[in-house]
Amino acid sequence: MGYLMIGLLTFAVLVFVLSFFLKDPYKELREEIDQLTIQQVQEMYQIKKKLKVLEEELLVDGDRLYGRNPQYNDKKEIHEIIKNQVWSLAQQGRETSQIAKQSSLSIEEVEQIIREFSIRGMAK
């Protein structure tokens, strides 16, 4: 019985030592999966870049098609209170440049607001 225990222990030690020298069968598979994952991420990045460029081109072409200037796509919306203030100052006879300075708007925006109020029928 003693020899059997010693033999089994020796066999276990040999198998344990041998396991360090054997090649991992899943190592290649893991490396291939890692490579495929990296490749897929790179391809997705390139596709997203191309899609972004395409969307920008479509926006610019759409603006040209409908007669909009792409520089003014993000035009700020002027609040009604400021529009009323501009109209009030215009009614008082102030110059457009002075109204523009006072309201922090461009002269073109001030003129547009005055035209808008005139069209609405608020001019007296």
N, C-alpha and C. Protein backbone atom coordinates (compact mmCIF):
# COMPACT_ATOMS: atom_id res chain seq x y z
N MET A 1 0.82 -1.17 0.00
CA MET A 1 0.00 0.00 0.00
C MET A 1 0.88 1.25 0.00
N GLY A 2 2.00 1.21 0.67
CA GLY A 2 2.93 2.32 0.73
C GLY A 2 3.51 2.61 -0.63
N TYR A 3 3.82 1.52 -1.40
CA TYR A 3 4.38 1.73 -2.74
C TYR A 3 3.34 2.36 -3.69
N LEU A 4 2.14 1.95 -3.51
CA LEU A 4 1.06 2.50 -4.34
C LEU A 4 0.89 4.00 -4.09
N MET A 5 0.94 4.43 -2.83
CA MET A 5 0.82 5.85 -2.48
C MET A 5 2.01 6.63 -3.04
N ILE A 6 3.21 6.08 -2.91
CA ILE A 6 4.41 6.76 -3.42
C ILE A 6 4.34 6.84 -4.94
N GLY A 7 3.89 5.77 -5.58
CA GLY A 7 3.76 5.75 -7.05
C GLY A 7 2.75 6.77 -7.53
N LEU A 8 1.60 6.86 -6.87
CA LEU A 8 0.57 7.83 -7.25
C LEU A 8 1.05 9.27 -7.02
N LEU A 9 1.75 9.50 -5.94
CA LEU A 9 2.29 10.82 -5.64
C LEU A 9 3.33 11.22 -6.69
N THR A 10 4.20 10.27 -7.06
CA THR A 10 5.22 10.53 -8.07
C THR A 10 4.56 10.83 -9.42
N PHE A 11 3.54 10.03 -9.76
CA PHE A 11 2.82 10.26 -11.01
C PHE A 11 2.16 11.65 -11.02
N ALA A 12 1.57 12.07 -9.91
CA ALA A 12 0.92 13.38 -9.80
C ALA A 12 1.93 14.51 -9.98
N VAL A 13 3.14 14.34 -9.36
CA VAL A 13 4.18 15.36 -9.49
C VAL A 13 4.65 15.44 -10.93
N LEU A 14 4.82 14.30 -11.60
CA LEU A 14 5.25 14.28 -13.01
C LEU A 14 4.22 14.96 -13.91
N VAL A 15 2.96 14.65 -13.71
CA VAL A 15 1.90 15.26 -14.52
C VAL A 15 1.85 16.77 -14.26
N PHE A 16 2.02 17.19 -13.02
CA PHE A 16 2.02 18.60 -12.66
C PHE A 16 3.16 19.34 -13.35
N VAL A 17 4.37 18.79 -13.30
CA VAL A 17 5.53 19.39 -13.94
C VAL A 17 5.36 19.40 -15.46
N LEU A 18 4.84 18.32 -16.00
CA LEU A 18 4.62 18.20 -17.43
C LEU A 18 3.62 19.24 -17.94
N SER A 19 2.65 19.61 -17.10
CA SER A 19 1.64 20.59 -17.51
C SER A 19 2.24 21.97 -17.75
N PHE A 20 3.35 22.28 -17.11
CA PHE A 20 4.00 23.57 -17.33
C PHE A 20 4.68 23.63 -18.69
N PHE A 21 5.11 22.50 -19.22
CA PHE A 21 5.84 22.47 -20.47
C PHE A 21 4.95 22.23 -21.68
N LEU A 22 3.74 21.83 -21.48
CA LEU A 22 2.84 21.59 -22.60
C LEU A 22 2.28 22.92 -23.12
N LYS A 23 1.99 22.97 -24.41
CA LYS A 23 1.45 24.15 -25.05
C LYS A 23 -0.04 24.29 -24.71
N ASP A 24 -0.45 25.51 -24.43
CA ASP A 24 -1.85 25.79 -24.12
C ASP A 24 -2.66 25.68 -25.41
N PRO A 25 -3.63 24.77 -25.47
CA PRO A 25 -4.38 24.59 -26.73
C PRO A 25 -5.31 25.77 -27.04
N TYR A 26 -5.66 26.58 -26.08
CA TYR A 26 -6.57 27.67 -26.29
C TYR A 26 -5.87 29.01 -26.50
N LYS A 27 -4.53 29.01 -26.38
CA LYS A 27 -3.78 30.26 -26.52
C LYS A 27 -3.93 30.83 -27.93
N GLU A 28 -3.78 30.00 -28.93
CA GLU A 28 -3.92 30.47 -30.31
C GLU A 28 -5.32 30.99 -30.57
N LEU A 29 -6.30 30.29 -30.07
CA LEU A 29 -7.69 30.68 -30.26
C LEU A 29 -7.95 32.05 -29.63
N ARG A 30 -7.44 32.27 -28.44
CA ARG A 30 -7.60 33.56 -27.77
C ARG A 30 -6.93 34.68 -28.55
N GLU A 31 -5.73 34.40 -29.07
CA GLU A 31 -5.02 35.41 -29.85
C GLU A 31 -5.78 35.74 -31.14
N GLU A 32 -6.35 34.76 -31.78
CA GLU A 32 -7.12 35.00 -33.00
C GLU A 32 -8.36 35.83 -32.70
N ILE A 33 -9.02 35.51 -31.60
CA ILE A 33 -10.21 36.28 -31.22
C ILE A 33 -9.83 37.72 -30.90
N ASP A 34 -8.70 37.92 -30.22
CA ASP A 34 -8.24 39.27 -29.93
C ASP A 34 -7.95 40.04 -31.21
N GLN A 35 -7.30 39.40 -32.17
CA GLN A 35 -6.99 40.04 -33.45
C GLN A 35 -8.28 40.41 -34.20
N LEU A 36 -9.23 39.51 -34.22
CA LEU A 36 -10.50 39.79 -34.89
C LEU A 36 -11.25 40.94 -34.22
N THR A 37 -11.20 40.98 -32.91
CA THR A 37 -11.86 42.05 -32.18
C THR A 37 -11.23 43.39 -32.50
N ILE A 38 -9.91 43.44 -32.49
CA ILE A 38 -9.20 44.69 -32.81
C ILE A 38 -9.51 45.12 -34.24
N GLN A 39 -9.51 44.17 -35.16
CA GLN A 39 -9.80 44.47 -36.56
C GLN A 39 -11.23 45.00 -36.71
N GLN A 40 -12.16 44.40 -36.01
CA GLN A 40 -13.55 44.84 -36.09
C GLN A 40 -13.72 46.25 -35.53
N VAL A 41 -13.06 46.54 -34.43
CA VAL A 41 -13.15 47.88 -33.84
C VAL A 41 -12.58 48.92 -34.81
N GLN A 42 -11.45 48.60 -35.46
CA GLN A 42 -10.86 49.53 -36.41
C GLN A 42 -11.79 49.77 -37.60
N GLU A 43 -12.40 48.71 -38.10
CA GLU A 43 -13.32 48.85 -39.23
C GLU A 43 -14.54 49.69 -38.84
N MET A 44 -15.06 49.48 -37.65
CA MET A 44 -16.22 50.27 -37.19
C MET A 44 -15.85 51.75 -37.09
N TYR A 45 -14.65 52.04 -36.61
CA TYR A 45 -14.19 53.42 -36.50
C TYR A 45 -14.12 54.07 -37.89
N GLN A 46 -13.57 53.34 -38.86
CA GLN A 46 -13.48 53.88 -40.22
C GLN A 46 -14.87 54.09 -40.82
N ILE A 47 -15.77 53.17 -40.58
CA ILE A 47 -17.14 53.31 -41.10
C ILE A 47 -17.82 54.53 -40.48
N LYS A 48 -17.63 54.73 -39.19
CA LYS A 48 -18.24 55.89 -38.53
C LYS A 48 -17.68 57.20 -39.07
N LYS A 49 -16.37 57.23 -39.33
CA LYS A 49 -15.77 58.43 -39.90
C LYS A 49 -16.35 58.72 -41.28
N LYS A 50 -16.47 57.69 -42.11
CA LYS A 50 -17.01 57.87 -43.46
C LYS A 50 -18.47 58.30 -43.40
N LEU A 51 -19.22 57.75 -42.47
CA LEU A 51 -20.62 58.12 -42.31
C LEU A 51 -20.76 59.57 -41.89
N LYS A 52 -19.90 60.01 -41.00
CA LYS A 52 -19.94 61.40 -40.55
C LYS A 52 -19.64 62.35 -41.70
N VAL A 53 -18.65 62.02 -42.52
CA VAL A 53 -18.33 62.86 -43.68
C VAL A 53 -19.50 62.89 -44.65
N LEU A 54 -20.11 61.75 -44.87
CA LEU A 54 -21.25 61.66 -45.78
C LEU A 54 -22.43 62.49 -45.26
N GLU A 55 -22.70 62.42 -43.97
CA GLU A 55 -23.79 63.21 -43.39
C GLU A 55 -23.52 64.70 -43.55
N GLU A 56 -22.27 65.12 -43.33
CA GLU A 56 -21.94 66.53 -43.49
C GLU A 56 -22.12 66.97 -44.93
N GLU A 57 -21.71 66.12 -45.88
CA GLU A 57 -21.89 66.46 -47.29
C GLU A 57 -23.37 66.57 -47.64
N LEU A 58 -24.19 65.67 -47.10
CA LEU A 58 -25.61 65.73 -47.37
C LEU A 58 -26.24 66.99 -46.80
N LEU A 59 -25.81 67.40 -45.61
CA LEU A 59 -26.34 68.63 -45.01
C LEU A 59 -25.98 69.84 -45.85
N VAL A 60 -24.74 69.91 -46.30
CA VAL A 60 -24.30 71.05 -47.11
C VAL A 60 -25.04 71.06 -48.44
N ASP A 61 -25.16 69.89 -49.08
CA ASP A 61 -25.87 69.81 -50.36
C ASP A 61 -27.35 70.17 -50.18
N GLY A 62 -27.96 69.74 -49.09
CA GLY A 62 -29.35 70.07 -48.83
C GLY A 62 -29.54 71.56 -48.62
N ASP A 63 -28.61 72.19 -47.95
CA ASP A 63 -28.69 73.64 -47.76
C ASP A 63 -28.57 74.37 -49.09
N ARG A 64 -27.69 73.91 -49.94
CA ARG A 64 -27.55 74.52 -51.26
C ARG A 64 -28.82 74.30 -52.08
N LEU A 65 -29.39 73.13 -51.98
CA LEU A 65 -30.58 72.79 -52.75
C LEU A 65 -31.76 73.68 -52.36
N TYR A 66 -31.92 73.94 -51.07
CA TYR A 66 -33.04 74.74 -50.60
C TYR A 66 -32.69 76.22 -50.43
N GLY A 67 -31.52 76.62 -50.88
CA GLY A 67 -31.14 78.03 -50.86
C GLY A 67 -30.73 78.56 -49.51
N ARG A 68 -30.36 77.69 -48.60
CA ARG A 68 -29.92 78.13 -47.28
C ARG A 68 -28.41 78.25 -47.27
N ASN A 69 -27.92 79.16 -46.51
CA ASN A 69 -26.48 79.36 -46.38
C ASN A 69 -25.98 78.49 -45.24
N PRO A 70 -25.04 77.55 -45.50
CA PRO A 70 -24.59 76.65 -44.42
C PRO A 70 -23.88 77.37 -43.28
N GLN A 71 -23.40 78.61 -43.53
CA GLN A 71 -22.73 79.33 -42.45
C GLN A 71 -23.73 79.74 -41.37
N TYR A 72 -25.00 79.89 -41.75
CA TYR A 72 -25.99 80.38 -40.80
C TYR A 72 -26.95 79.28 -40.36
N ASN A 73 -26.53 78.02 -40.43
CA ASN A 73 -27.38 76.91 -39.99
C ASN A 73 -27.73 77.01 -38.51
N ASP A 74 -26.79 77.42 -37.72
CA ASP A 74 -26.98 77.47 -36.28
C ASP A 74 -27.34 78.88 -35.83
N LYS A 75 -28.20 79.53 -36.58
CA LYS A 75 -28.58 80.89 -36.27
C LYS A 75 -29.32 80.91 -34.94
N LYS A 76 -28.96 81.85 -34.10
CA LYS A 76 -29.57 81.91 -32.79
C LYS A 76 -30.99 82.46 -32.88
N GLU A 77 -31.81 81.98 -32.04
CA GLU A 77 -33.20 82.44 -31.97
C GLU A 77 -33.24 83.66 -31.06
N ILE A 78 -33.88 84.72 -31.53
CA ILE A 78 -33.97 85.97 -30.76
C ILE A 78 -35.25 85.93 -29.94
N HIS A 79 -35.11 86.20 -28.67
CA HIS A 79 -36.23 86.13 -27.73
C HIS A 79 -37.22 87.26 -28.02
N GLU A 80 -38.48 86.98 -27.75
CA GLU A 80 -39.55 87.95 -28.00
C GLU A 80 -39.36 89.24 -27.21
N ILE A 81 -38.84 89.16 -26.02
CA ILE A 81 -38.63 90.37 -25.20
C ILE A 81 -37.65 91.31 -25.89
N ILE A 82 -36.59 90.73 -26.45
CA ILE A 82 -35.60 91.55 -27.15
C ILE A 82 -36.22 92.13 -28.42
N LYS A 83 -37.03 91.33 -29.11
CA LYS A 83 -37.70 91.84 -30.30
C LYS A 83 -38.61 93.02 -29.95
N ASN A 84 -39.35 92.89 -28.85
CA ASN A 84 -40.22 93.99 -28.42
C ASN A 84 -39.42 95.22 -28.04
N GLN A 85 -38.28 95.01 -27.41
CA GLN A 85 -37.41 96.13 -27.04
C GLN A 85 -36.89 96.83 -28.30
N VAL A 86 -36.48 96.05 -29.29
CA VAL A 86 -35.99 96.63 -30.55
C VAL A 86 -37.10 97.43 -31.22
N TRP A 87 -38.30 96.87 -31.26
CA TRP A 87 -39.41 97.57 -31.88
C TRP A 87 -39.73 98.86 -31.13
N SER A 88 -39.69 98.80 -29.81
CA SER A 88 -39.96 99.99 -29.01
C SER A 88 -38.93 101.08 -29.27
N LEU A 89 -37.66 100.70 -29.33
CA LEU A 89 -36.62 101.68 -29.61
C LEU A 89 -36.76 102.26 -31.02
N ALA A 90 -37.16 101.42 -31.97
CA ALA A 90 -37.37 101.90 -33.33
C ALA A 90 -38.53 102.89 -33.36
N GLN A 91 -39.57 102.64 -32.59
CA GLN A 91 -40.72 103.54 -32.51
C GLN A 91 -40.32 104.88 -31.89
N GLN A 92 -39.30 104.87 -31.02
CA GLN A 92 -38.83 106.11 -30.39
C GLN A 92 -37.94 106.91 -31.33
N GLY A 93 -37.62 106.32 -32.50
CA GLY A 93 -36.83 107.05 -33.49
C GLY A 93 -35.32 106.83 -33.36
N ARG A 94 -34.93 105.84 -32.62
CA ARG A 94 -33.49 105.57 -32.48
C ARG A 94 -32.93 105.00 -33.78
N GLU A 95 -31.65 105.23 -34.02
CA GLU A 95 -30.99 104.71 -35.23
C GLU A 95 -30.76 103.21 -35.08
N THR A 96 -30.71 102.55 -36.23
CA THR A 96 -30.53 101.10 -36.25
C THR A 96 -29.21 100.69 -35.59
N SER A 97 -28.15 101.45 -35.85
CA SER A 97 -26.84 101.09 -35.27
C SER A 97 -26.87 101.23 -33.75
N GLN A 98 -27.57 102.25 -33.26
CA GLN A 98 -27.67 102.44 -31.81
C GLN A 98 -28.49 101.31 -31.18
N ILE A 99 -29.58 100.91 -31.85
CA ILE A 99 -30.40 99.81 -31.34
C ILE A 99 -29.59 98.52 -31.33
N ALA A 100 -28.79 98.31 -32.37
CA ALA A 100 -27.96 97.11 -32.45
C ALA A 100 -26.96 97.05 -31.30
N LYS A 101 -26.33 98.16 -31.00
CA LYS A 101 -25.37 98.19 -29.88
C LYS A 101 -26.07 97.93 -28.56
N GLN A 102 -27.21 98.56 -28.39
CA GLN A 102 -27.93 98.47 -27.12
C GLN A 102 -28.49 97.06 -26.89
N SER A 103 -28.89 96.39 -27.96
CA SER A 103 -29.51 95.07 -27.80
C SER A 103 -28.55 93.92 -28.07
N SER A 104 -27.30 94.23 -28.38
CA SER A 104 -26.27 93.22 -28.68
C SER A 104 -26.66 92.35 -29.87
N LEU A 105 -27.26 92.95 -30.86
CA LEU A 105 -27.62 92.27 -32.09
C LEU A 105 -26.89 92.93 -33.25
N SER A 106 -26.86 92.25 -34.37
CA SER A 106 -26.27 92.86 -35.56
C SER A 106 -27.29 93.82 -36.18
N ILE A 107 -26.80 94.70 -37.03
CA ILE A 107 -27.69 95.66 -37.69
C ILE A 107 -28.70 94.92 -38.57
N GLU A 108 -28.23 93.84 -39.22
CA GLU A 108 -29.14 93.06 -40.06
C GLU A 108 -30.27 92.44 -39.25
N GLU A 109 -29.94 91.94 -38.05
CA GLU A 109 -30.96 91.34 -37.20
C GLU A 109 -31.98 92.39 -36.74
N VAL A 110 -31.48 93.58 -36.41
CA VAL A 110 -32.37 94.66 -35.98
C VAL A 110 -33.31 95.04 -37.13
N GLU A 111 -32.75 95.17 -38.33
CA GLU A 111 -33.58 95.51 -39.49
C GLU A 111 -34.61 94.42 -39.77
N GLN A 112 -34.21 93.16 -39.60
CA GLN A 112 -35.13 92.05 -39.82
C GLN A 112 -36.29 92.10 -38.81
N ILE A 113 -35.98 92.40 -37.56
CA ILE A 113 -37.02 92.48 -36.52
C ILE A 113 -37.99 93.62 -36.83
N ILE A 114 -37.45 94.77 -37.26
CA ILE A 114 -38.32 95.91 -37.59
C ILE A 114 -39.22 95.57 -38.77
N ARG A 115 -38.66 94.89 -39.80
CA ARG A 115 -39.47 94.47 -40.94
C ARG A 115 -40.56 93.50 -40.50
N GLU A 116 -40.19 92.58 -39.60
CA GLU A 116 -41.14 91.58 -39.11
C GLU A 116 -42.31 92.25 -38.40
N PHE A 117 -42.00 93.22 -37.55
CA PHE A 117 -43.07 93.92 -36.81
C PHE A 117 -43.90 94.77 -37.76
N SER A 118 -43.28 95.35 -38.78
CA SER A 118 -44.01 96.16 -39.76
C SER A 118 -44.98 95.29 -40.54
N ILE A 119 -44.53 94.09 -40.90
CA ILE A 119 -45.38 93.17 -41.66
C ILE A 119 -46.56 92.70 -40.81
N ARG A 120 -46.33 92.49 -39.55
CA ARG A 120 -47.40 92.04 -38.65
C ARG A 120 -48.52 93.07 -38.49
N GLY A 121 -48.20 94.29 -38.88
CA GLY A 121 -49.21 95.34 -38.76
C GLY A 121 -49.12 96.10 -37.48
N MET A 122 -47.99 95.98 -36.79
CA MET A 122 -47.84 96.66 -35.51
C MET A 122 -47.30 98.07 -35.70
N ALA A 123 -46.93 98.41 -36.94
CA ALA A 123 -46.42 99.76 -37.21
C ALA A 123 -47.57 100.75 -37.13
N LYS A 124 -47.32 101.86 -36.50
CA LYS A 124 -48.37 102.89 -36.36
C LYS A 124 -47.90 104.19 -36.94
